[in-house]
Amino acid sequence: MLRAIARLPRAVFWLNHYTYVVVAVLVLITAAVLLGVDGFTWVDVALMAVIVALAIGIQRAARPVQSAGVPTQIETLEAQLTNSDRMTLLAFESEYCPTCMATNPMLLKLEEADDPALRVMRLSIQHEPGNALFKKYDGRMTPTFVLLDRRGKVVMDWLLTLPVNRVLFEVKQAVQ
């Protein structure tokens, strides 16, 4: 599936990573035009300020974060992934991706399961080592999820959605 997506134009990937920003700018432009039709008043300016504050608040509240304890050096992280005591789910996310924000509850469910055979690692593609690993696993769109075995080999990968039950099933199968 990831290979087929790789053939899409680069602009599609850019829009995927920055959808929230693009939509917010379009909403602000539209609001400014509609509010300014009869001339700007202080009420219009206050309403625009409220719209901007709400947009920033929503984006900051829903922004995915990189997992704590992720090494900043790609070599160190790759060494951990190829010689691990448990399977690893890599979750590649973008800070301005609404789909990443929507998959957050699924990732939280996996993190809260606290399965000793599974480690969930969130990586931002805007920062290292997330960007380098995203390229290594042929990532094009966010969110991308890659399930690795204990030796760092890809078991499965998913794009845009995360089937929690399938991940848990694969981990259970690997343990047996």
C-alpha atoms as a PDB file:
ATOM      1  CA  MET A   1       0.000   0.000   0.000  1.00  0.00           C
ATOM      2  CA  LEU A   2       2.792   2.426   0.865  1.00  0.00           C
ATOM      3  CA  ARG A   3       4.469   1.815  -2.500  1.00  0.00           C
ATOM      4  CA  ALA A   4       1.292   2.779  -4.422  1.00  0.00           C
ATOM      5  CA  ILE A   5       0.992   5.993  -2.435  1.00  0.00           C
ATOM      6  CA  ALA A   6       4.617   6.841  -3.193  1.00  0.00           C
ATOM      7  CA  ARG A   7       3.610   7.503  -6.813  1.00  0.00           C
ATOM      8  CA  LEU A   8       1.333  10.415  -5.860  1.00  0.00           C
ATOM      9  CA  PRO A   9       2.553  13.968  -6.576  1.00  0.00           C
ATOM     10  CA  ARG A  10       4.655  15.641  -3.844  1.00  0.00           C
ATOM     11  CA  ALA A  11       2.036  18.392  -3.384  1.00  0.00           C
ATOM     12  CA  VAL A  12      -0.400  15.793  -2.033  1.00  0.00           C
ATOM     13  CA  PHE A  13       2.056  14.845   0.710  1.00  0.00           C
ATOM     14  CA  TRP A  14       2.742  18.463   1.633  1.00  0.00           C
ATOM     15  CA  LEU A  15      -0.991  19.137   1.908  1.00  0.00           C
ATOM     16  CA  ASN A  16      -1.411  16.012   4.055  1.00  0.00           C
ATOM     17  CA  HIS A  17       1.228  17.163   6.551  1.00  0.00           C
ATOM     18  CA  TYR A  18      -0.048  20.739   6.768  1.00  0.00           C
ATOM     19  CA  THR A  19      -3.807  20.331   6.275  1.00  0.00           C
ATOM     20  CA  TYR A  20      -4.667  22.092   9.515  1.00  0.00           C
ATOM     21  CA  VAL A  21      -2.608  25.159   8.621  1.00  0.00           C
ATOM     22  CA  VAL A  22      -4.034  25.384   5.086  1.00  0.00           C
ATOM     23  CA  VAL A  23      -7.630  25.024   6.290  1.00  0.00           C
ATOM     24  CA  ALA A  24      -7.089  27.560   9.100  1.00  0.00           C
ATOM     25  CA  VAL A  25      -5.705  30.135   6.652  1.00  0.00           C
ATOM     26  CA  LEU A  26      -8.628  29.588   4.259  1.00  0.00           C
ATOM     27  CA  VAL A  27     -11.143  29.964   7.111  1.00  0.00           C
ATOM     28  CA  LEU A  28      -9.479  33.186   8.266  1.00  0.00           C
ATOM     29  CA  ILE A  29      -9.456  34.645   4.751  1.00  0.00           C
ATOM     30  CA  THR A  30     -13.114  33.713   4.257  1.00  0.00           C
ATOM     31  CA  ALA A  31     -14.068  35.143   7.653  1.00  0.00           C
ATOM     32  CA  ALA A  32     -12.177  38.377   6.931  1.00  0.00           C
ATOM     33  CA  VAL A  33     -13.948  38.797   3.593  1.00  0.00           C
ATOM     34  CA  LEU A  34     -17.387  38.053   5.052  1.00  0.00           C
ATOM     35  CA  LEU A  35     -16.877  40.272   8.087  1.00  0.00           C
ATOM     36  CA  GLY A  36     -15.422  43.101   6.018  1.00  0.00           C
ATOM     37  CA  VAL A  37     -18.251  43.273   3.473  1.00  0.00           C
ATOM     38  CA  ASP A  38     -19.922  46.143   5.329  1.00  0.00           C
ATOM     39  CA  GLY A  39     -16.672  47.641   6.598  1.00  0.00           C
ATOM     40  CA  PHE A  40     -14.671  46.542   9.614  1.00  0.00           C
ATOM     41  CA  THR A  41     -15.901  47.370  13.078  1.00  0.00           C
ATOM     42  CA  TRP A  42     -14.410  46.604  16.479  1.00  0.00           C
ATOM     43  CA  VAL A  43     -16.846  43.695  16.750  1.00  0.00           C
ATOM     44  CA  ASP A  44     -15.412  42.222  13.538  1.00  0.00           C
ATOM     45  CA  VAL A  45     -11.865  42.540  14.862  1.00  0.00           C
ATOM     46  CA  ALA A  46     -12.861  40.939  18.191  1.00  0.00           C
ATOM     47  CA  LEU A  47     -14.622  38.081  16.378  1.00  0.00           C
ATOM     48  CA  MET A  48     -11.534  37.457  14.224  1.00  0.00           C
ATOM     49  CA  ALA A  49      -9.373  37.397  17.369  1.00  0.00           C
ATOM     50  CA  VAL A  50     -11.699  34.817  18.941  1.00  0.00           C
ATOM     51  CA  ILE A  51     -11.583  32.658  15.787  1.00  0.00           C
ATOM     52  CA  VAL A  52      -7.767  32.792  15.734  1.00  0.00           C
ATOM     53  CA  ALA A  53      -7.531  31.992  19.463  1.00  0.00           C
ATOM     54  CA  LEU A  54      -9.885  29.015  19.087  1.00  0.00           C
ATOM     55  CA  ALA A  55      -7.966  27.663  16.094  1.00  0.00           C
ATOM     56  CA  ILE A  56      -4.645  27.913  17.931  1.00  0.00           C
ATOM     57  CA  GLY A  57      -6.126  26.367  21.083  1.00  0.00           C
ATOM     58  CA  ILE A  58      -7.620  23.409  19.227  1.00  0.00           C
ATOM     59  CA  GLN A  59      -4.404  22.771  17.321  1.00  0.00           C
ATOM     60  CA  ARG A  60      -2.207  22.928  20.423  1.00  0.00           C
ATOM     61  CA  ALA A  61      -4.508  20.680  22.442  1.00  0.00           C
ATOM     62  CA  ALA A  62      -4.605  17.979  19.787  1.00  0.00           C
ATOM     63  CA  ARG A  63      -0.969  18.119  18.653  1.00  0.00           C
ATOM     64  CA  PRO A  64       0.736  14.716  18.766  1.00  0.00           C
ATOM     65  CA  VAL A  65       3.911  14.553  20.789  1.00  0.00           C
ATOM     66  CA  GLN A  66       7.052  12.528  20.294  1.00  0.00           C
ATOM     67  CA  SER A  67       7.427   9.727  22.842  1.00  0.00           C
ATOM     68  CA  ALA A  68       9.616  10.477  25.829  1.00  0.00           C
ATOM     69  CA  GLY A  69      12.952   8.728  25.909  1.00  0.00           C
ATOM     70  CA  VAL A  70      13.374   8.496  22.133  1.00  0.00           C
ATOM     71  CA  PRO A  71      17.082   8.853  21.330  1.00  0.00           C
ATOM     72  CA  THR A  72      17.922  11.848  19.185  1.00  0.00           C
ATOM     73  CA  GLN A  73      20.644   9.988  17.273  1.00  0.00           C
ATOM     74  CA  ILE A  74      19.334   7.791  14.447  1.00  0.00           C
ATOM     75  CA  GLU A  75      22.094   5.221  14.968  1.00  0.00           C
ATOM     76  CA  THR A  76      21.173   4.760  18.640  1.00  0.00           C
ATOM     77  CA  LEU A  77      17.481   4.389  17.823  1.00  0.00           C
ATOM     78  CA  GLU A  78      18.117   1.896  15.008  1.00  0.00           C
ATOM     79  CA  ALA A  79      20.292  -0.156  17.372  1.00  0.00           C
ATOM     80  CA  GLN A  80      17.428  -0.233  19.878  1.00  0.00           C
ATOM     81  CA  LEU A  81      14.939  -1.288  17.204  1.00  0.00           C
ATOM     82  CA  THR A  82      17.097  -4.109  15.821  1.00  0.00           C
ATOM     83  CA  ASN A  83      17.931  -5.601  19.204  1.00  0.00           C
ATOM     84  CA  SER A  84      14.829  -5.235  21.348  1.00  0.00           C
ATOM     85  CA  ASP A  85      13.167  -7.378  23.983  1.00  0.00           C
ATOM     86  CA  ARG A  86       9.725  -6.561  22.535  1.00  0.00           C
ATOM     87  CA  MET A  87       7.942  -5.580  19.339  1.00  0.00           C
ATOM     88  CA  THR A  88       7.781  -1.900  18.460  1.00  0.00           C
ATOM     89  CA  LEU A  89       4.963   0.068  16.870  1.00  0.00           C
ATOM     90  CA  LEU A  90       6.371   3.169  15.182  1.00  0.00           C
ATOM     91  CA  ALA A  91       3.749   5.898  14.831  1.00  0.00           C
ATOM     92  CA  PHE A  92       4.899   8.581  12.394  1.00  0.00           C
ATOM     93  CA  GLU A  93       2.891  11.755  12.914  1.00  0.00           C
ATOM     94  CA  SER A  94       2.856  15.349  11.759  1.00  0.00           C
ATOM     95  CA  GLU A  95       2.072  18.256  14.056  1.00  0.00           C
ATOM     96  CA  TYR A  96      -0.503  19.779  11.713  1.00  0.00           C
ATOM     97  CA  CYS A  97      -2.222  16.597  10.501  1.00  0.00           C
ATOM     98  CA  PRO A  98      -5.895  16.242  11.506  1.00  0.00           C
ATOM     99  CA  THR A  99      -5.838  12.491  10.828  1.00  0.00           C
ATOM    100  CA  CYS A 100      -2.940  12.153  13.283  1.00  0.00           C
ATOM    101  CA  MET A 101      -5.024  13.978  15.845  1.00  0.00           C
ATOM    102  CA  ALA A 102      -7.948  11.634  15.144  1.00  0.00           C
ATOM    103  CA  THR A 103      -5.836   8.488  15.639  1.00  0.00           C
ATOM    104  CA  ASN A 104      -4.562   9.729  19.004  1.00  0.00           C
ATOM    105  CA  PRO A 105      -7.226   7.785  21.008  1.00  0.00           C
ATOM    106  CA  MET A 106      -6.182   4.532  19.308  1.00  0.00           C
ATOM    107  CA  LEU A 107      -2.537   5.107  20.189  1.00  0.00           C
ATOM    108  CA  LEU A 108      -3.492   5.985  23.752  1.00  0.00           C
ATOM    109  CA  LYS A 109      -5.429   2.715  23.983  1.00  0.00           C
ATOM    110  CA  LEU A 110      -2.316   0.775  22.957  1.00  0.00           C
ATOM    111  CA  GLU A 111      -0.107   2.760  25.324  1.00  0.00           C
ATOM    112  CA  GLU A 112      -2.517   2.252  28.216  1.00  0.00           C
ATOM    113  CA  ALA A 113      -2.723  -1.493  27.530  1.00  0.00           C
ATOM    114  CA  ASP A 114       0.834  -1.556  28.898  1.00  0.00           C
ATOM    115  CA  ASP A 115       1.573  -4.805  27.073  1.00  0.00           C
ATOM    116  CA  PRO A 116       5.063  -6.037  28.061  1.00  0.00           C
ATOM    117  CA  ALA A 117       5.525  -7.440  24.537  1.00  0.00           C
ATOM    118  CA  LEU A 118       4.806  -4.120  22.758  1.00  0.00           C
ATOM    119  CA  ARG A 119       6.446  -0.712  22.843  1.00  0.00           C
ATOM    120  CA  VAL A 120       4.643   2.209  21.182  1.00  0.00           C
ATOM    121  CA  MET A 121       6.987   4.876  19.872  1.00  0.00           C
ATOM    122  CA  ARG A 122       5.553   8.130  18.521  1.00  0.00           C
ATOM    123  CA  LEU A 123       7.829   9.993  16.136  1.00  0.00           C
ATOM    124  CA  SER A 124       7.305  13.441  14.667  1.00  0.00           C
ATOM    125  CA  ILE A 125       8.353  13.681  11.035  1.00  0.00           C
ATOM    126  CA  GLN A 126       9.259  17.336  11.614  1.00  0.00           C
ATOM    127  CA  HIS A 127      12.090  16.329  13.962  1.00  0.00           C
ATOM    128  CA  GLU A 128      14.922  13.834  14.010  1.00  0.00           C
ATOM    129  CA  PRO A 129      15.133  10.884  14.271  1.00  0.00           C
ATOM    130  CA  GLY A 130      11.496  10.669  13.117  1.00  0.00           C
ATOM    131  CA  ASN A 131      12.153  12.239   9.724  1.00  0.00           C
ATOM    132  CA  ALA A 132      15.037   9.878   8.895  1.00  0.00           C
ATOM    133  CA  LEU A 133      13.085   6.768   9.935  1.00  0.00           C
ATOM    134  CA  PHE A 134      10.003   7.995   8.051  1.00  0.00           C
ATOM    135  CA  LYS A 135      12.099   8.100   4.873  1.00  0.00           C
ATOM    136  CA  LYS A 136      13.724   4.742   5.650  1.00  0.00           C
ATOM    137  CA  TYR A 137      10.322   3.044   5.832  1.00  0.00           C
ATOM    138  CA  ASP A 138       9.109   4.802   2.644  1.00  0.00           C
ATOM    139  CA  GLY A 139       6.625   6.968   4.517  1.00  0.00           C
ATOM    140  CA  ARG A 140       4.769   9.506   2.419  1.00  0.00           C
ATOM    141  CA  MET A 141       1.644  10.461   4.353  1.00  0.00           C
ATOM    142  CA  THR A 142       0.834  10.817   8.009  1.00  0.00           C
ATOM    143  CA  PRO A 143      -0.086   9.038  10.080  1.00  0.00           C
ATOM    144  CA  THR A 144       1.930   5.975   9.086  1.00  0.00           C
ATOM    145  CA  PHE A 145       2.225   3.046  11.486  1.00  0.00           C
ATOM    146  CA  VAL A 146       4.940   0.389  11.202  1.00  0.00           C
ATOM    147  CA  LEU A 147       4.981  -2.710  13.415  1.00  0.00           C
ATOM    148  CA  LEU A 148       8.490  -4.129  13.885  1.00  0.00           C
ATOM    149  CA  ASP A 149       9.483  -7.478  15.337  1.00  0.00           C
ATOM    150  CA  ARG A 150      12.198  -7.804  17.986  1.00  0.00           C
ATOM    151  CA  ARG A 151      14.932  -7.708  15.325  1.00  0.00           C
ATOM    152  CA  GLY A 152      13.612  -4.580  13.600  1.00  0.00           C
ATOM    153  CA  LYS A 153      12.001  -6.302  10.610  1.00  0.00           C
ATOM    154  CA  VAL A 154       8.671  -4.928   9.377  1.00  0.00           C
ATOM    155  CA  VAL A 155       5.758  -7.193  10.310  1.00  0.00           C
ATOM    156  CA  MET A 156       2.987  -4.935   8.982  1.00  0.00           C
ATOM    157  CA  ASP A 157       2.380  -1.303   8.140  1.00  0.00           C
ATOM    158  CA  TRP A 158      -0.738   0.817   8.022  1.00  0.00           C
ATOM    159  CA  LEU A 159      -1.551   4.202   6.582  1.00  0.00           C
ATOM    160  CA  LEU A 160      -4.066   6.737   7.933  1.00  0.00           C
ATOM    161  CA  THR A 161      -5.705   4.278  10.348  1.00  0.00           C
ATOM    162  CA  LEU A 162      -4.564   2.031  13.142  1.00  0.00           C
ATOM    163  CA  PRO A 163      -6.407  -1.267  13.700  1.00  0.00           C
ATOM    164  CA  VAL A 164      -5.726  -1.694  17.427  1.00  0.00           C
ATOM    165  CA  ASN A 165      -7.066  -5.258  17.557  1.00  0.00           C
ATOM    166  CA  ARG A 166      -4.870  -6.288  14.620  1.00  0.00           C
ATOM    167  CA  VAL A 167      -1.775  -4.861  16.314  1.00  0.00           C
ATOM    168  CA  LEU A 168      -2.572  -6.732  19.535  1.00  0.00           C
ATOM    169  CA  PHE A 169      -3.236  -9.921  17.539  1.00  0.00           C
ATOM    170  CA  GLU A 170       0.135  -9.687  15.759  1.00  0.00           C
ATOM    171  CA  VAL A 171       1.928  -9.103  19.066  1.00  0.00           C
ATOM    172  CA  LYS A 172       0.134 -12.060  20.657  1.00  0.00           C
ATOM    173  CA  GLN A 173       1.045 -14.296  17.693  1.00  0.00           C
ATOM    174  CA  ALA A 174       4.697 -13.286  17.927  1.00  0.00           C
ATOM    175  CA  VAL A 175       4.854 -14.065  21.640  1.00  0.00           C
ATOM    176  CA  GLN A 176       3.454 -17.583  21.212  1.00  0.00           C
END
